Amino acid sequence: MAFFRQLPFELFVGLRYTRAKRRNHFISFISLTSMIGIGLGVAALIVVLSVMNGFQEELRNRILGVASHLQITGPDNVLEDWRSLEQKVKGAPHVQAAAPYVMAQGMLSFSQSVQGAIIRGVLPDAEDKVAELGSHMRAGRLQDLKPGEFGVVLGAELAQSLGVVLGDKVVLMAPQGQFTPTGVVPRIKQFTVVGVFEIGMFEYDSGLALIHLDDAARLYRMGENVSGVRLKLDDLFNAPAVARQLGERLMGTGNYYISDWTQQHANFFRAIQMEKRVMFIILALIVAVAAFNIVSTLVMAVTDKRADIAIMRTFGVSPRSIMQIFIVQGALIGMIGTVAGAFFGVLIALNIDTVVPMIERMFGVQFLAKDVYYISDLPSRLLWSDVTVIVVLSFVLSLLATLYPSWRAAKVNPAEALRYE
């Protein structure tokens, strides 16, 4: 009690009003409702933004586990003299590795199953330097792809759809036909399954097959040419700037098309960013509605304390001090709700990988189906900058909600308020 007596008068009375047992229990109920509403809004905002951040990062990492930071291609998907180009770009700033590739479409068949797929011809050792496929192998190794042995590495979903395991023989049909006396027939070659990878993105796991670069060039009759060269940079976010620098460096040496990962998958990340902003606005409005419930609480509190306000005014308390008393009372409600919401929001966001599976088991549901969404797990990445913005926003809205009721309290006429007491 001695501590409270040392506080400034406005803070002491405001805290006293908050702690005191009210005669009107409905005011207490409205205050509790405001705290719970603010807390739920803040917690929901933290969790949703953390999930959106995690989704964006996870999607980017999984895409770049298969795709490349930069890609250089030639006209009509044919790049000639790629070895000299590879030497030129390897010496460029920020470029860490380069790998040639052949990209084409094909039809895979095994027994009675047939599946279309993207066929990528790679050099295993070079591919490991520009992508992370080697770390996502469920069976076999990327290095098991050897020239002339016609081995193939399949995505996990693609292998399951075909019903194949390691060692099985699959037939690959290339759409480019060859002319025979009986007409045009597709080129067909038998490949041995030597590996299975799983990135965790249904798009790649169900539609990508890897073969050796020499086998792809022979099957698709590329000769010494390739489809393009894939590059890995020291900083993936520097890809657009490096693409411009390489464009200037290669100008006049040939016809090249340079694209980076932000262009190849721009729609994904723009959609996520837009959705994140929209969700922030919607949930911020929920926090605002809960915060402005404080208006109702304080208006009723001012009506309930009219006699106390009049007595304080007769003892010389200024209207400004009266206003500050009720600002303290409303700010405390907002602060309790904000702190509680931030605590539970951070707790859930940091343990989303435990909470979501538990809910899925309890109710027998799956939030992210593999065949619908790009990823099947609900990721989370908590940014303390987001938490700070949310907490500050919630507290500022709570303070704004106290201004009108506090102004009304400061305008109470002492004589009129005490007339009927």
Protein backbone atom coordinates (compact mmCIF):
# COMPACT_ATOMS: atom_id res chain seq x y z
CA MET A 1 0.00 0.00 0.00
CA ALA A 2 2.90 2.33 0.71
CA PHE A 3 4.09 1.80 -2.87
CA PHE A 4 0.74 2.92 -4.29
CA ARG A 5 0.73 6.02 -2.10
CA GLN A 6 4.02 7.11 -3.64
CA LEU A 7 2.53 7.01 -7.15
CA PRO A 8 1.30 10.14 -8.93
CA PHE A 9 -2.28 11.02 -7.95
CA GLU A 10 -3.81 10.22 -11.36
CA LEU A 11 -2.07 6.84 -11.57
CA PHE A 12 -2.95 5.96 -7.97
CA VAL A 13 -6.68 6.71 -8.39
CA GLY A 14 -6.82 5.04 -11.82
CA LEU A 15 -5.31 1.83 -10.44
CA ARG A 16 -7.59 2.06 -7.39
CA TYR A 17 -10.67 2.27 -9.61
CA THR A 18 -9.44 -0.74 -11.56
CA ARG A 19 -8.81 -2.83 -8.43
CA ALA A 20 -11.86 -1.73 -6.46
CA LYS A 21 -14.96 -3.90 -6.38
CA ARG A 22 -17.61 -2.22 -8.50
CA ARG A 23 -21.23 -1.92 -7.52
CA ASN A 24 -22.22 -2.43 -11.14
CA HIS A 25 -21.09 -5.95 -12.09
CA PHE A 26 -22.03 -5.33 -15.71
CA ILE A 27 -19.08 -2.91 -15.96
CA SER A 28 -16.77 -5.69 -14.76
CA PHE A 29 -18.23 -8.04 -17.35
CA ILE A 30 -17.67 -5.53 -20.18
CA SER A 31 -14.09 -4.94 -18.98
CA LEU A 32 -13.40 -8.68 -18.93
CA THR A 33 -14.94 -9.05 -22.39
CA SER A 34 -12.70 -6.26 -23.71
CA MET A 35 -9.58 -7.89 -22.26
CA ILE A 36 -10.48 -11.29 -23.72
CA GLY A 37 -11.32 -9.77 -27.11
CA ILE A 38 -8.04 -7.86 -27.29
CA GLY A 39 -6.11 -10.93 -26.15
CA LEU A 40 -7.72 -13.21 -28.72
CA GLY A 41 -7.19 -10.67 -31.49
CA VAL A 42 -3.51 -10.15 -30.64
CA ALA A 43 -2.88 -13.89 -30.29
CA ALA A 44 -4.63 -14.66 -33.58
CA LEU A 45 -2.68 -11.92 -35.37
CA ILE A 46 0.67 -13.22 -34.08
CA VAL A 47 -0.14 -16.85 -34.96
CA VAL A 48 -1.49 -16.07 -38.44
CA LEU A 49 1.45 -13.83 -39.39
CA SER A 50 3.91 -16.42 -38.07
CA VAL A 51 2.25 -19.13 -40.16
CA MET A 52 2.30 -16.87 -43.24
CA ASN A 53 6.00 -16.14 -42.66
CA GLY A 54 6.71 -19.83 -42.21
CA PHE A 55 4.70 -20.76 -45.28
CA GLN A 56 6.58 -18.22 -47.39
CA GLU A 57 9.99 -19.38 -46.16
CA GLU A 58 9.15 -23.09 -46.45
CA LEU A 59 7.75 -22.66 -49.94
CA ARG A 60 10.83 -20.72 -51.02
CA ASN A 61 13.22 -23.31 -49.55
CA ARG A 62 11.40 -26.23 -51.15
CA ILE A 63 11.17 -24.55 -54.53
CA LEU A 64 14.86 -23.69 -54.45
CA GLY A 65 15.63 -27.26 -53.40
CA VAL A 66 14.70 -28.21 -56.97
CA ALA A 67 14.86 -24.95 -58.90
CA SER A 68 17.88 -22.69 -59.20
CA HIS A 69 18.66 -19.12 -58.19
CA LEU A 70 19.42 -18.16 -61.80
CA GLN A 71 18.82 -19.86 -65.12
CA ILE A 72 20.38 -19.11 -68.52
CA THR A 73 18.70 -20.59 -71.58
CA GLY A 74 19.07 -20.25 -75.33
CA PRO A 75 16.57 -19.71 -78.16
CA ASP A 76 14.00 -22.51 -78.53
CA ASN A 77 15.27 -24.12 -75.32
CA VAL A 78 18.61 -25.00 -76.98
CA LEU A 79 21.88 -23.63 -75.65
CA GLU A 80 24.94 -24.13 -77.83
CA ASP A 81 28.54 -24.00 -76.67
CA TRP A 82 27.41 -24.17 -73.06
CA ARG A 83 30.87 -25.06 -71.74
CA SER A 84 32.36 -21.69 -72.68
CA LEU A 85 29.29 -19.96 -71.21
CA GLU A 86 29.70 -21.93 -67.99
CA GLN A 87 33.30 -20.77 -67.67
CA LYS A 88 32.26 -17.14 -68.20
CA VAL A 89 29.53 -17.11 -65.57
CA LYS A 90 31.56 -19.07 -63.01
CA GLY A 91 33.97 -16.14 -62.78
CA ALA A 92 31.17 -13.62 -62.24
CA PRO A 93 30.70 -12.01 -58.81
CA HIS A 94 28.30 -13.79 -56.40
CA VAL A 95 28.12 -16.95 -58.57
CA GLN A 96 29.11 -20.02 -56.55
CA ALA A 97 28.31 -22.89 -58.92
CA ALA A 98 26.89 -23.72 -62.35
CA ALA A 99 25.31 -26.86 -63.78
CA PRO A 100 24.01 -27.65 -67.29
CA TYR A 101 20.65 -29.34 -67.77
CA VAL A 102 18.30 -30.70 -70.39
CA MET A 103 14.59 -30.10 -69.79
CA ALA A 104 11.86 -31.89 -71.72
CA GLN A 105 8.54 -33.65 -71.34
CA GLY A 106 7.98 -37.37 -71.35
CA MET A 107 5.58 -40.20 -70.61
CA LEU A 108 6.55 -42.87 -68.08
CA SER A 109 4.87 -46.26 -68.06
CA PHE A 110 5.17 -49.32 -65.86
CA SER A 111 2.88 -52.32 -66.05
CA GLN A 112 -0.60 -50.81 -66.55
CA SER A 113 0.29 -47.36 -65.13
CA VAL A 114 1.13 -44.33 -67.26
CA GLN A 115 2.16 -40.90 -65.95
CA GLY A 116 3.31 -37.72 -67.66
CA ALA A 117 6.40 -36.05 -66.18
CA ILE A 118 8.99 -33.35 -66.65
CA ILE A 119 12.27 -35.01 -67.57
CA ARG A 120 15.42 -33.23 -66.44
CA GLY A 121 18.83 -34.36 -67.61
CA VAL A 122 21.54 -33.47 -65.08
CA LEU A 123 25.17 -34.04 -64.18
CA PRO A 124 24.84 -35.46 -60.63
CA ASP A 125 27.99 -33.87 -59.16
CA ALA A 126 27.25 -30.46 -60.68
CA GLU A 127 23.54 -30.65 -59.77
CA ASP A 128 24.38 -31.20 -56.11
CA LYS A 129 26.14 -27.82 -56.13
CA VAL A 130 23.18 -25.79 -57.43
CA ALA A 131 20.24 -27.60 -55.79
CA GLU A 132 19.54 -29.65 -52.66
CA LEU A 133 18.05 -32.73 -54.26
CA GLY A 134 20.80 -34.93 -52.87
CA SER A 135 19.68 -34.22 -49.31
CA HIS A 136 16.07 -35.18 -50.13
CA MET A 137 16.74 -38.68 -51.44
CA ARG A 138 14.50 -41.31 -49.84
CA ALA A 139 16.19 -44.19 -51.65
CA GLY A 140 19.33 -44.45 -53.74
CA ARG A 141 21.70 -41.59 -54.55
CA LEU A 142 21.80 -38.92 -57.21
CA GLN A 143 25.30 -40.14 -58.11
CA ASP A 144 23.76 -43.48 -59.19
CA LEU A 145 22.83 -41.72 -62.43
CA LYS A 146 25.65 -42.74 -64.76
CA PRO A 147 26.03 -42.03 -68.47
CA GLY A 148 24.97 -44.88 -70.76
CA GLU A 149 23.32 -46.91 -67.97
CA PHE A 150 19.94 -45.18 -68.43
CA GLY A 151 19.02 -44.82 -64.80
CA VAL A 152 16.19 -42.59 -63.56
CA VAL A 153 15.44 -40.90 -60.21
CA LEU A 154 11.72 -40.34 -59.59
CA GLY A 155 9.73 -38.15 -57.24
CA ALA A 156 8.13 -40.06 -54.38
CA GLU A 157 4.54 -39.42 -55.50
CA LEU A 158 5.41 -40.25 -59.10
CA ALA A 159 7.02 -43.54 -58.05
CA GLN A 160 3.99 -44.38 -55.93
CA SER A 161 1.59 -43.61 -58.79
CA LEU A 162 3.54 -45.89 -61.11
CA GLY A 163 3.93 -48.52 -58.40
CA VAL A 164 7.71 -48.86 -58.84
CA VAL A 165 10.58 -49.49 -56.45
CA LEU A 166 14.35 -49.47 -56.86
CA GLY A 167 15.48 -51.74 -59.65
CA ASP A 168 12.21 -51.71 -61.61
CA LYS A 169 12.28 -50.95 -65.32
CA VAL A 170 10.13 -48.07 -66.57
CA VAL A 171 9.55 -47.08 -70.19
CA LEU A 172 10.12 -43.44 -71.11
CA MET A 173 8.43 -42.13 -74.24
CA ALA A 174 9.66 -38.85 -75.70
CA PRO A 175 7.05 -36.75 -77.54
CA GLN A 176 9.49 -35.93 -80.35
CA GLY A 177 8.76 -38.61 -82.91
CA GLN A 178 10.98 -40.31 -85.42
CA PHE A 179 9.98 -40.99 -89.02
CA THR A 180 9.62 -44.60 -90.12
CA PRO A 181 8.10 -46.25 -93.22
CA THR A 182 4.94 -46.80 -91.17
CA GLY A 183 4.73 -43.17 -90.03
CA VAL A 184 5.86 -41.06 -87.07
CA VAL A 185 6.40 -43.02 -83.86
CA PRO A 186 7.58 -41.72 -80.47
CA ARG A 187 11.07 -42.46 -79.28
CA ILE A 188 11.00 -45.07 -76.51
CA LYS A 189 13.71 -46.08 -74.07
CA GLN A 190 13.74 -48.31 -71.02
CA PHE A 191 15.18 -46.82 -67.81
CA THR A 192 16.03 -48.44 -64.47
CA VAL A 193 14.79 -46.77 -61.27
CA VAL A 194 17.94 -46.02 -59.24
CA GLY A 195 16.58 -43.49 -56.75
CA VAL A 196 13.52 -41.79 -55.25
CA PHE A 197 13.48 -38.24 -53.85
CA GLU A 198 10.89 -36.39 -51.77
CA ILE A 199 11.01 -32.61 -51.63
CA GLY A 200 7.70 -32.21 -49.80
CA MET A 201 6.04 -30.27 -52.63
CA PHE A 202 3.44 -32.26 -54.52
CA GLU A 203 4.18 -30.42 -57.78
CA TYR A 204 7.75 -31.77 -57.90
CA ASP A 205 7.25 -35.08 -56.10
CA SER A 206 4.53 -36.11 -58.53
CA GLY A 207 5.87 -34.73 -61.80
CA LEU A 208 9.68 -34.68 -61.96
CA ALA A 209 12.08 -37.38 -63.13
CA LEU A 210 15.85 -37.03 -63.30
CA ILE A 211 18.15 -38.81 -65.76
CA HIS A 212 21.79 -38.31 -66.68
CA LEU A 213 22.56 -35.39 -68.98
CA ASP A 214 24.17 -37.65 -71.63
CA ASP A 215 21.18 -40.00 -71.64
CA ALA A 216 18.79 -37.04 -71.99
CA ALA A 217 20.82 -35.56 -74.85
CA ARG A 218 20.79 -38.91 -76.64
CA LEU A 219 17.07 -39.54 -76.10
CA TYR A 220 16.00 -36.05 -77.13
CA ARG A 221 18.68 -35.75 -79.82
CA MET A 222 20.29 -32.65 -78.36
CA GLY A 223 23.78 -33.59 -79.54
CA GLU A 224 26.36 -31.52 -77.65
CA ASN A 225 23.75 -28.92 -76.75
CA VAL A 226 21.76 -28.48 -73.54
CA SER A 227 18.59 -26.61 -72.59
CA GLY A 228 20.39 -24.20 -70.29
CA VAL A 229 22.72 -23.61 -67.36
CA ARG A 230 21.54 -23.31 -63.75
CA LEU A 231 23.43 -21.08 -61.30
CA LYS A 232 23.68 -20.91 -57.53
CA LEU A 233 24.43 -17.57 -55.85
CA ASP A 234 25.89 -16.68 -52.48
CA ASP A 235 22.69 -14.74 -51.65
CA LEU A 236 19.40 -15.83 -53.20
CA PHE A 237 17.80 -12.42 -52.55
CA ASN A 238 20.49 -10.84 -54.73
CA ALA A 239 19.33 -12.83 -57.78
CA PRO A 240 17.63 -9.96 -59.71
CA ALA A 241 20.72 -7.73 -59.41
CA VAL A 242 23.08 -10.55 -60.43
CA ALA A 243 20.80 -11.35 -63.41
CA ARG A 244 21.16 -7.76 -64.63
CA GLN A 245 24.94 -7.85 -64.17
CA LEU A 246 25.23 -11.12 -66.11
CA GLY A 247 23.04 -9.71 -68.85
CA GLU A 248 25.47 -6.81 -69.28
CA ARG A 249 28.46 -9.16 -69.07
CA LEU A 250 27.13 -11.53 -71.75
CA MET A 251 25.81 -8.80 -74.05
CA GLY A 252 27.10 -9.29 -77.57
CA THR A 253 28.38 -12.82 -76.97
CA GLY A 254 25.17 -14.60 -78.01
CA ASN A 255 21.42 -14.83 -77.59
CA TYR A 256 20.73 -15.72 -73.96
CA TYR A 257 17.65 -15.52 -71.77
CA ILE A 258 18.42 -14.96 -68.09
CA SER A 259 15.71 -15.48 -65.48
CA ASP A 260 15.88 -15.68 -61.69
CA TRP A 261 13.75 -17.53 -59.15
CA THR A 262 11.72 -14.41 -58.30
CA GLN A 263 10.50 -14.26 -61.92
CA GLN A 264 9.88 -17.98 -62.30
CA HIS A 265 7.74 -18.18 -59.16
CA ALA A 266 6.69 -14.55 -58.76
CA ASN A 267 2.95 -15.28 -58.58
CA PHE A 268 3.38 -17.61 -55.59
CA PHE A 269 5.24 -15.09 -53.47
CA ARG A 270 3.13 -12.12 -54.53
CA ALA A 271 -0.01 -14.02 -53.58
CA ILE A 272 1.43 -14.94 -50.19
CA GLN A 273 2.55 -11.36 -49.53
CA MET A 274 -0.84 -9.97 -50.51
CA GLU A 275 -2.64 -12.53 -48.38
CA LYS A 276 -0.40 -11.68 -45.43
CA ARG A 277 -1.27 -7.99 -45.73
CA VAL A 278 -5.00 -8.68 -46.05
CA MET A 279 -4.96 -11.01 -43.04
CA PHE A 280 -3.10 -8.37 -41.03
CA ILE A 281 -5.74 -5.75 -41.85
CA ILE A 282 -8.66 -8.07 -41.07
CA LEU A 283 -7.25 -9.27 -37.76
CA ALA A 284 -6.16 -5.73 -36.84
CA LEU A 285 -9.80 -4.69 -37.26
CA ILE A 286 -10.78 -7.45 -34.81
CA VAL A 287 -8.28 -6.03 -32.31
CA ALA A 288 -9.68 -2.54 -32.97
CA VAL A 289 -13.26 -3.68 -32.30
CA ALA A 290 -12.19 -5.33 -29.05
CA ALA A 291 -10.17 -2.28 -28.05
CA PHE A 292 -13.06 0.06 -28.66
CA ASN A 293 -15.19 -2.01 -26.28
CA ILE A 294 -13.16 -0.08 -23.72
CA VAL A 295 -15.26 2.94 -24.73
CA SER A 296 -18.40 1.24 -23.39
CA THR A 297 -16.58 0.20 -20.22
CA LEU A 298 -15.30 3.68 -19.45
CA VAL A 299 -18.55 5.46 -20.38
CA MET A 300 -20.37 3.26 -17.86
CA ALA A 301 -17.55 3.75 -15.33
CA VAL A 302 -17.78 7.53 -15.70
CA THR A 303 -21.54 7.40 -15.11
CA ASP A 304 -20.99 5.16 -12.07
CA LYS A 305 -18.29 7.50 -10.64
CA ARG A 306 -19.98 10.83 -11.26
CA ALA A 307 -20.23 11.55 -7.53
CA ASP A 308 -16.55 10.67 -6.97
CA ILE A 309 -15.55 12.90 -9.89
CA ALA A 310 -17.60 15.79 -8.46
CA ILE A 311 -16.02 15.39 -5.01
CA MET A 312 -12.51 15.35 -6.48
CA ARG A 313 -13.30 18.44 -8.52
CA THR A 314 -14.49 20.28 -5.36
CA PHE A 315 -11.15 19.42 -3.73
CA GLY A 316 -9.35 21.16 -6.58
CA VAL A 317 -8.49 18.27 -8.92
CA SER A 318 -8.14 19.67 -12.43
CA PRO A 319 -10.16 18.36 -15.43
CA ARG A 320 -6.87 17.20 -16.96
CA SER A 321 -6.15 14.99 -13.92
CA ILE A 322 -9.67 13.53 -14.07
CA MET A 323 -9.11 12.71 -17.72
CA GLN A 324 -5.78 11.02 -16.94
CA ILE A 325 -7.40 8.88 -14.22
CA PHE A 326 -9.76 7.22 -16.69
CA ILE A 327 -7.05 6.97 -19.36
CA VAL A 328 -5.03 4.94 -16.84
CA GLN A 329 -8.03 2.71 -16.14
CA GLY A 330 -8.68 2.03 -19.86
CA ALA A 331 -4.99 1.65 -20.70
CA LEU A 332 -4.63 -1.00 -17.99
CA ILE A 333 -7.47 -3.01 -19.53
CA GLY A 334 -5.82 -2.79 -22.95
CA MET A 335 -2.37 -3.59 -21.55
CA ILE A 336 -3.56 -6.72 -19.73
CA GLY A 337 -5.36 -7.98 -22.83
CA THR A 338 -2.40 -7.17 -25.09
CA VAL A 339 0.22 -8.81 -22.85
CA ALA A 340 -1.92 -11.93 -22.34
CA GLY A 341 -2.62 -12.18 -26.09
CA ALA A 342 1.05 -11.67 -26.98
CA PHE A 343 2.11 -14.36 -24.49
CA PHE A 344 -0.31 -17.00 -25.76
CA GLY A 345 0.23 -15.98 -29.40
CA VAL A 346 4.01 -16.38 -29.12
CA LEU A 347 3.56 -19.67 -27.23
CA ILE A 348 1.30 -21.12 -29.95
CA ALA A 349 3.44 -19.78 -32.81
CA LEU A 350 6.57 -21.40 -31.36
CA ASN A 351 4.80 -24.73 -30.88
CA ILE A 352 2.59 -24.83 -33.99
CA ASP A 353 4.28 -28.05 -35.14
CA THR A 354 2.98 -29.74 -31.97
CA VAL A 355 -0.41 -28.04 -31.65
CA VAL A 356 -1.64 -28.65 -35.21
CA PRO A 357 -0.92 -32.43 -35.33
CA MET A 358 -2.64 -32.79 -31.96
CA ILE A 359 -5.76 -31.03 -33.26
CA GLU A 360 -5.68 -33.13 -36.46
CA ARG A 361 -5.55 -36.34 -34.41
CA MET A 362 -8.30 -35.22 -32.05
CA PHE A 363 -10.78 -34.28 -34.78
CA GLY A 364 -9.59 -36.60 -37.57
CA VAL A 365 -8.95 -33.80 -40.07
CA GLN A 366 -6.02 -32.69 -42.21
CA PHE A 367 -5.51 -28.98 -42.68
CA LEU A 368 -3.21 -29.20 -45.73
CA ALA A 369 -3.84 -32.05 -48.16
CA LYS A 370 -0.79 -33.02 -50.24
CA ASP A 371 -2.70 -33.13 -53.52
CA VAL A 372 -4.22 -29.64 -53.01
CA TYR A 373 -1.57 -27.52 -51.32
CA TYR A 374 2.10 -27.08 -52.13
CA ILE A 375 3.16 -28.28 -48.70
CA SER A 376 1.44 -30.69 -46.31
CA ASP A 377 2.74 -29.35 -42.96
CA LEU A 378 1.79 -26.09 -41.29
CA PRO A 379 5.07 -24.16 -40.83
CA SER A 380 5.64 -21.22 -38.51
CA ARG A 381 8.31 -18.55 -38.32
CA LEU A 382 7.96 -16.05 -35.50
CA LEU A 383 9.37 -12.59 -36.23
CA TRP A 384 9.79 -10.44 -33.15
CA SER A 385 9.40 -7.37 -35.34
CA ASP A 386 5.84 -8.53 -36.12
CA VAL A 387 5.14 -9.11 -32.42
CA THR A 388 6.40 -5.60 -31.59
CA VAL A 389 4.22 -3.99 -34.28
CA ILE A 390 1.14 -5.93 -33.12
CA VAL A 391 1.67 -5.10 -29.44
CA VAL A 392 2.25 -1.41 -30.14
CA LEU A 393 -0.79 -1.27 -32.46
CA SER A 394 -3.04 -2.93 -29.89
CA PHE A 395 -1.88 -0.62 -27.08
CA VAL A 396 -2.26 2.51 -29.23
CA LEU A 397 -5.81 1.48 -30.20
CA SER A 398 -6.59 0.90 -26.52
CA LEU A 399 -5.31 4.40 -25.65
CA LEU A 400 -7.35 5.97 -28.45
CA ALA A 401 -10.44 4.22 -27.13
CA THR A 402 -10.00 5.94 -23.73
CA LEU A 403 -9.96 9.51 -25.05
CA TYR A 404 -13.70 10.16 -25.47
CA PRO A 405 -14.88 8.67 -22.13
CA SER A 406 -12.03 10.44 -20.32
CA TRP A 407 -12.96 13.73 -21.97
CA ARG A 408 -16.57 13.24 -20.83
CA ALA A 409 -15.36 12.58 -17.29
CA ALA A 410 -13.37 15.83 -17.33
CA LYS A 411 -16.51 17.75 -18.39
CA VAL A 412 -18.64 16.56 -15.46
CA ASN A 413 -20.22 19.50 -13.60
CA PRO A 414 -19.65 18.99 -9.82
CA ALA A 415 -22.78 20.85 -8.72
CA GLU A 416 -25.04 18.98 -11.11
CA ALA A 417 -23.46 15.64 -10.26
CA LEU A 418 -23.97 16.12 -6.49
CA ARG A 419 -27.51 17.47 -6.79
CA TYR A 420 -29.18 14.06 -6.49
CA GLU A 421 -26.63 12.40 -4.20
